[in-house]
PDB file of N, CA and C in Angstrom:
ATOM      1  N   MET A   1       0.624  -1.154   0.155  1.00  0.00           N
ATOM      2  CA  MET A   1       0.057   0.071   0.098  1.00  0.00           C
ATOM      3  C   MET A   1       0.967   1.147   0.011  1.00  0.00           C
ATOM      4  N   ILE A   2       0.772   2.205  -0.840  1.00  0.00           N
ATOM      5  CA  ILE A   2       1.355   3.300  -0.972  1.00  0.00           C
ATOM      6  C   ILE A   2       0.762   4.446  -0.415  1.00  0.00           C
ATOM      7  N   MET A   3       1.487   4.991   0.718  1.00  0.00           N
ATOM      8  CA  MET A   3       1.009   6.091   1.393  1.00  0.00           C
ATOM      9  C   MET A   3       1.480   7.665   1.047  1.00  0.00           C
ATOM     10  N   ILE A   4       0.571   8.387   1.311  1.00  0.00           N
ATOM     11  CA  ILE A   4       0.917   9.772   0.719  1.00  0.00           C
ATOM     12  C   ILE A   4       0.690  10.877   2.017  1.00  0.00           C
ATOM     13  N   THR A   5       1.526  12.075   1.771  1.00  0.00           N
ATOM     14  CA  THR A   5       1.323  13.017   2.719  1.00  0.00           C
ATOM     15  C   THR A   5       1.164  14.208   2.199  1.00  0.00           C
ATOM     16  N   LYS A   6       0.863  15.592   2.894  1.00  0.00           N
ATOM     17  CA  LYS A   6       0.513  16.781   2.292  1.00  0.00           C
ATOM     18  C   LYS A   6       1.559  17.189   1.698  1.00  0.00           C
ATOM     19  N   ILE A   7       2.749  16.897   2.165  1.00  0.00           N
ATOM     20  CA  ILE A   7       3.786  17.509   1.095  1.00  0.00           C
ATOM     21  C   ILE A   7       3.960  16.540  -0.092  1.00  0.00           C
ATOM     22  N   GLU A   8       3.571  15.593  -0.227  1.00  0.00           N
ATOM     23  CA  GLU A   8       3.755  14.843  -1.625  1.00  0.00           C
ATOM     24  C   GLU A   8       2.408  15.759  -2.519  1.00  0.00           C
ATOM     25  N   LEU A   9       1.340  15.943  -1.887  1.00  0.00           N
ATOM     26  CA  LEU A   9       0.074  16.694  -2.458  1.00  0.00           C
ATOM     27  C   LEU A   9       0.754  18.099  -2.955  1.00  0.00           C
ATOM     28  N   LYS A  10       1.442  18.745  -2.043  1.00  0.00           N
ATOM     29  CA  LYS A  10       2.015  20.312  -2.498  1.00  0.00           C
ATOM     30  C   LYS A  10       2.784  19.925  -3.618  1.00  0.00           C
ATOM     31  N   LYS A  11       3.374  18.930  -3.740  1.00  0.00           N
ATOM     32  CA  LYS A  11       4.624  18.732  -4.997  1.00  0.00           C
ATOM     33  C   LYS A  11       3.726  18.477  -6.144  1.00  0.00           C
ATOM     34  N   LEU A  12       2.504  17.777  -6.119  1.00  0.00           N
ATOM     35  CA  LEU A  12       1.570  17.533  -6.926  1.00  0.00           C
ATOM     36  C   LEU A  12       0.938  18.613  -7.660  1.00  0.00           C
ATOM     37  N   GLY A  13       0.928  19.905  -6.919  1.00  0.00           N
ATOM     38  CA  GLY A  13       0.393  21.282  -7.250  1.00  0.00           C
ATOM     39  C   GLY A  13      -0.821  21.551  -6.624  1.00  0.00           C
ATOM     40  N   PHE A  14      -1.144  20.919  -5.562  1.00  0.00           N
ATOM     41  CA  PHE A  14      -2.109  21.464  -4.590  1.00  0.00           C
ATOM     42  C   PHE A  14      -1.635  22.199  -3.457  1.00  0.00           C
ATOM     43  N   GLY A  15      -2.396  23.438  -3.187  1.00  0.00           N
ATOM     44  CA  GLY A  15      -2.048  24.308  -2.363  1.00  0.00           C
ATOM     45  C   GLY A  15      -2.020  23.863  -0.976  1.00  0.00           C
ATOM     46  N   PRO A  16      -1.336  24.564  -0.009  1.00  0.00           N
ATOM     47  CA  PRO A  16      -1.065  23.997   1.501  1.00  0.00           C
ATOM     48  C   PRO A  16      -2.537  23.682   2.003  1.00  0.00           C
ATOM     49  N   SER A  17      -3.401  24.721   2.189  1.00  0.00           N
ATOM     50  CA  SER A  17      -4.539  24.468   2.813  1.00  0.00           C
ATOM     51  C   SER A  17      -5.128  23.265   2.155  1.00  0.00           C
ATOM     52  N   GLN A  18      -5.201  23.202   0.924  1.00  0.00           N
ATOM     53  CA  GLN A  18      -5.935  22.135   0.084  1.00  0.00           C
ATOM     54  C   GLN A  18      -5.505  20.938   0.320  1.00  0.00           C
ATOM     55  N   SER A  19      -4.058  20.837   0.412  1.00  0.00           N
ATOM     56  CA  SER A  19      -3.216  19.655   0.633  1.00  0.00           C
ATOM     57  C   SER A  19      -3.717  19.204   1.955  1.00  0.00           C
ATOM     58  N   SER A  20      -3.925  19.761   3.137  1.00  0.00           N
ATOM     59  CA  SER A  20      -4.079  19.725   4.541  1.00  0.00           C
ATOM     60  C   SER A  20      -5.890  19.062   4.263  1.00  0.00           C
ATOM     61  N   ASP A  21      -6.673  19.781   3.499  1.00  0.00           N
ATOM     62  CA  ASP A  21      -8.057  19.390   3.502  1.00  0.00           C
ATOM     63  C   ASP A  21      -8.276  17.892   3.211  1.00  0.00           C
ATOM     64  N   ILE A  22      -7.456  17.637   2.096  1.00  0.00           N
ATOM     65  CA  ILE A  22      -7.528  16.353   1.229  1.00  0.00           C
ATOM     66  C   ILE A  22      -7.284  15.201   2.293  1.00  0.00           C
ATOM     67  N   ILE A  23      -6.217  15.423   2.893  1.00  0.00           N
ATOM     68  CA  ILE A  23      -5.717  14.577   4.048  1.00  0.00           C
ATOM     69  C   ILE A  23      -6.527  14.512   5.015  1.00  0.00           C
ATOM     70  N   ARG A  24      -7.392  15.408   5.536  1.00  0.00           N
ATOM     71  CA  ARG A  24      -8.353  15.360   6.574  1.00  0.00           C
ATOM     72  C   ARG A  24      -9.516  14.534   5.976  1.00  0.00           C
ATOM     73  N   LYS A  25     -10.009  14.757   4.845  1.00  0.00           N
ATOM     74  CA  LYS A  25     -10.969  13.895   4.330  1.00  0.00           C
ATOM     75  C   LYS A  25     -10.658  12.500   3.965  1.00  0.00           C
ATOM     76  N   ALA A  26      -9.436  12.316   3.719  1.00  0.00           N
ATOM     77  CA  ALA A  26      -8.883  10.792   3.480  1.00  0.00           C
ATOM     78  C   ALA A  26      -8.991   9.949   4.854  1.00  0.00           C
ATOM     79  N   LYS A  27      -8.678  10.852   5.755  1.00  0.00           N
ATOM     80  CA  LYS A  27      -8.672  10.107   7.127  1.00  0.00           C
ATOM     81  C   LYS A  27     -10.126   9.943   7.803  1.00  0.00           C
ATOM     82  N   ARG A  28     -10.749  10.692   7.436  1.00  0.00           N
ATOM     83  CA  ARG A  28     -12.207  10.562   7.752  1.00  0.00           C
ATOM     84  C   ARG A  28     -13.047   9.265   7.129  1.00  0.00           C
ATOM     85  N   LEU A  29     -12.303   9.059   5.582  1.00  0.00           N
ATOM     86  CA  LEU A  29     -13.012   8.210   4.846  1.00  0.00           C
ATOM     87  C   LEU A  29     -12.355   6.825   5.351  1.00  0.00           C
ATOM     88  N   MET A  30     -11.237   6.750   5.783  1.00  0.00           N
ATOM     89  CA  MET A  30     -10.653   5.695   6.399  1.00  0.00           C
ATOM     90  C   MET A  30     -11.243   5.102   7.499  1.00  0.00           C
ATOM     91  N   VAL A  31     -11.561   6.142   8.346  1.00  0.00           N
ATOM     92  CA  VAL A  31     -12.382   5.910   9.607  1.00  0.00           C
ATOM     93  C   VAL A  31     -13.566   5.410   9.507  1.00  0.00           C
ATOM     94  N   ASN A  32     -14.315   5.879   8.465  1.00  0.00           N
ATOM     95  CA  ASN A  32     -15.627   5.315   8.133  1.00  0.00           C
ATOM     96  C   ASN A  32     -15.956   3.898   7.525  1.00  0.00           C
ATOM     97  N   LYS A  33     -14.621   3.815   7.118  1.00  0.00           N
ATOM     98  CA  LYS A  33     -14.485   2.168   6.250  1.00  0.00           C
ATOM     99  C   LYS A  33     -13.857   1.260   7.586  1.00  0.00           C
ATOM    100  N   GLY A  34     -13.763   1.645   8.678  1.00  0.00           N
ATOM    101  CA  GLY A  34     -13.647   0.707   9.862  1.00  0.00           C
ATOM    102  C   GLY A  34     -11.996   0.837  10.195  1.00  0.00           C
ATOM    103  N   PHE A  35     -11.369   1.677   9.538  1.00  0.00           N
ATOM    104  CA  PHE A  35      -9.877   1.800  10.048  1.00  0.00           C
ATOM    105  C   PHE A  35      -9.844   2.722  11.365  1.00  0.00           C
ATOM    106  N   GLY A  36     -10.007   2.297  12.178  1.00  0.00           N
ATOM    107  CA  GLY A  36      -9.765   3.266  13.544  1.00  0.00           C
ATOM    108  C   GLY A  36      -8.579   3.980  13.599  1.00  0.00           C
ATOM    109  N   TYR A  37      -7.505   3.384  12.996  1.00  0.00           N
ATOM    110  CA  TYR A  37      -5.986   3.647  13.384  1.00  0.00           C
ATOM    111  C   TYR A  37      -5.891   5.268  12.628  1.00  0.00           C
ATOM    112  N   TYR A  38      -6.833   5.587  11.760  1.00  0.00           N
ATOM    113  CA  TYR A  38      -6.655   6.710  11.270  1.00  0.00           C
ATOM    114  C   TYR A  38      -7.341   8.040  11.849  1.00  0.00           C
ATOM    115  N   ASP A  39      -8.010   7.460  12.930  1.00  0.00           N
ATOM    116  CA  ASP A  39      -8.483   8.502  13.790  1.00  0.00           C
ATOM    117  C   ASP A  39      -7.636   9.118  14.952  1.00  0.00           C
ATOM    118  N   ASN A  40      -6.580  10.009  14.233  1.00  0.00           N
ATOM    119  CA  ASN A  40      -5.469  10.317  14.899  1.00  0.00           C
ATOM    120  C   ASN A  40      -5.091  11.574  14.351  1.00  0.00           C
ATOM    121  N   ARG A  41      -5.056  12.523  15.504  1.00  0.00           N
ATOM    122  CA  ARG A  41      -4.817  13.890  14.735  1.00  0.00           C
ATOM    123  C   ARG A  41      -3.342  14.291  14.304  1.00  0.00           C
ATOM    124  N   ARG A  42      -2.631  13.342  15.142  1.00  0.00           N
ATOM    125  CA  ARG A  42      -0.964  13.435  14.737  1.00  0.00           C
ATOM    126  C   ARG A  42      -0.581  12.624  13.396  1.00  0.00           C
ATOM    127  N   LEU A  43      -1.557  11.710  13.087  1.00  0.00           N
ATOM    128  CA  LEU A  43      -1.190  11.054  11.809  1.00  0.00           C
ATOM    129  C   LEU A  43      -1.203  11.685  10.481  1.00  0.00           C
ATOM    130  N   GLY A  44      -0.167  12.051   9.689  1.00  0.00           N
ATOM    131  CA  GLY A  44      -0.186  12.744   8.497  1.00  0.00           C
ATOM    132  C   GLY A  44      -0.139  12.114   7.229  1.00  0.00           C
ATOM    133  N   CYS A  45      -0.261  10.667   7.223  1.00  0.00           N
ATOM    134  CA  CYS A  45      -0.138   9.922   5.770  1.00  0.00           C
ATOM    135  C   CYS A  45      -1.345   9.033   5.904  1.00  0.00           C
ATOM    136  N   VAL A  46      -1.721   8.934   4.564  1.00  0.00           N
ATOM    137  CA  VAL A  46      -3.052   8.261   4.442  1.00  0.00           C
ATOM    138  C   VAL A  46      -2.868   7.364   2.819  1.00  0.00           C
ATOM    139  N   PRO A  47      -3.473   6.401   2.731  1.00  0.00           N
ATOM    140  CA  PRO A  47      -3.360   5.500   1.652  1.00  0.00           C
ATOM    141  C   PRO A  47      -3.746   6.348   0.396  1.00  0.00           C
ATOM    142  N   ILE A  48      -2.832   6.177  -0.735  1.00  0.00           N
ATOM    143  CA  ILE A  48      -3.137   7.051  -1.816  1.00  0.00           C
ATOM    144  C   ILE A  48      -4.337   6.504  -2.415  1.00  0.00           C
ATOM    145  N   GLU A  49      -4.759   5.581  -2.409  1.00  0.00           N
ATOM    146  CA  GLU A  49      -6.163   4.870  -2.943  1.00  0.00           C
ATOM    147  C   GLU A  49      -7.181   5.995  -2.204  1.00  0.00           C
ATOM    148  N   ALA A  50      -7.265   6.255  -1.045  1.00  0.00           N
ATOM    149  CA  ALA A  50      -8.194   6.927  -0.183  1.00  0.00           C
ATOM    150  C   ALA A  50      -8.304   8.381  -0.908  1.00  0.00           C
ATOM    151  N   VAL A  51      -7.170   9.133  -1.136  1.00  0.00           N
ATOM    152  CA  VAL A  51      -7.146  10.220  -1.845  1.00  0.00           C
ATOM    153  C   VAL A  51      -7.541  10.542  -3.327  1.00  0.00           C
ATOM    154  N   GLU A  52      -7.103   9.177  -4.059  1.00  0.00           N
ATOM    155  CA  GLU A  52      -7.675   8.910  -5.478  1.00  0.00           C
ATOM    156  C   GLU A  52      -9.085   9.005  -5.255  1.00  0.00           C
ATOM    157  N   GLU A  53      -9.904   8.343  -4.280  1.00  0.00           N
ATOM    158  CA  GLU A  53     -11.035   8.152  -4.326  1.00  0.00           C
ATOM    159  C   GLU A  53     -11.871   9.532  -3.829  1.00  0.00           C
ATOM    160  N   ILE A  54     -11.255  10.378  -3.192  1.00  0.00           N
ATOM    161  CA  ILE A  54     -11.962  11.715  -2.726  1.00  0.00           C
ATOM    162  C   ILE A  54     -11.899  12.330  -4.143  1.00  0.00           C
ATOM    163  N   LEU A  55     -10.803  12.434  -4.902  1.00  0.00           N
ATOM    164  CA  LEU A  55     -10.341  13.353  -5.656  1.00  0.00           C
ATOM    165  C   LEU A  55     -11.118  12.880  -7.075  1.00  0.00           C
ATOM    166  N   GLY A  56     -11.381  11.521  -7.162  1.00  0.00           N
ATOM    167  CA  GLY A  56     -11.592  10.970  -8.478  1.00  0.00           C
ATOM    168  C   GLY A  56     -10.624  10.988  -9.701  1.00  0.00           C
ATOM    169  N   ILE A  57      -9.770  10.874  -9.309  1.00  0.00           N
ATOM    170  CA  ILE A  57      -8.594  10.964 -10.422  1.00  0.00           C
ATOM    171  C   ILE A  57      -7.596   9.982  -9.838  1.00  0.00           C
ATOM    172  N   HIS A  58      -6.679   9.534 -10.844  1.00  0.00           N
ATOM    173  CA  HIS A  58      -5.644   8.506 -10.580  1.00  0.00           C
ATOM    174  C   HIS A  58      -4.399   9.628 -10.364  1.00  0.00           C
ATOM    175  N   ILE A  59      -3.555   9.166  -9.395  1.00  0.00           N
ATOM    176  CA  ILE A  59      -2.381   9.981  -8.984  1.00  0.00           C
ATOM    177  C   ILE A  59      -1.229   9.019  -9.193  1.00  0.00           C
ATOM    178  N   ASN A  60      -0.500   9.680 -10.214  1.00  0.00           N
ATOM    179  CA  ASN A  60       1.075   8.982 -10.570  1.00  0.00           C
ATOM    180  C   ASN A  60       1.920   9.929  -9.977  1.00  0.00           C
ATOM    181  N   LEU A  61       2.614   9.127  -9.065  1.00  0.00           N
ATOM    182  CA  LEU A  61       3.688   9.855  -8.195  1.00  0.00           C
ATOM    183  C   LEU A  61       4.966  10.283  -9.117  1.00  0.00           C
ATOM    184  N   ASP A  62       4.958   9.655 -10.212  1.00  0.00           N
ATOM    185  CA  ASP A  62       6.111   9.884 -11.051  1.00  0.00           C
ATOM    186  C   ASP A  62       6.082  11.532 -11.590  1.00  0.00           C
ATOM    187  N   ASP A  63       4.870  12.163 -11.454  1.00  0.00           N
ATOM    188  CA  ASP A  63       4.539  13.383 -12.135  1.00  0.00           C
ATOM    189  C   ASP A  63       4.856  14.678 -11.081  1.00  0.00           C
ATOM    190  N   MET A  64       5.412  14.063  -9.751  1.00  0.00           N
ATOM    191  CA  MET A  64       5.962  15.143  -8.911  1.00  0.00           C
ATOM    192  C   MET A  64       7.120  16.109  -9.268  1.00  0.00           C
ATOM    193  N   GLU A  65       6.900  17.265  -8.892  1.00  0.00           N
ATOM    194  CA  GLU A  65       7.717  18.132  -9.383  1.00  0.00           C
ATOM    195  C   GLU A  65       8.980  18.100  -8.414  1.00  0.00           C
ATOM    196  N   CYS A  66      10.103  18.319  -8.527  1.00  0.00           N
ATOM    197  CA  CYS A  66      11.248  18.233  -7.716  1.00  0.00           C
ATOM    198  C   CYS A  66      11.216  19.782  -6.924  1.00  0.00           C
ATOM    199  N   VAL A  67      10.972  19.893  -5.669  1.00  0.00           N
ATOM    200  CA  VAL A  67      10.905  21.124  -4.877  1.00  0.00           C
ATOM    201  C   VAL A  67      12.307  21.319  -4.094  1.00  0.00           C
TER     202      VAL A  67
END
């Protein structure tokens, strides 16, 4: 399972607050699916599949800009 953080989302072109919001929504999605582990304020990474489900697009990590 590939995990993603808000730092990688920023490298993909999302803004800082947008990246945090996506991670927050992905964590909520994972909790709703029964993964209580993600109900943690300090956890900052989520499965890339959860982010893809929220955004409705496939994320290719090879497209990340070098920052």
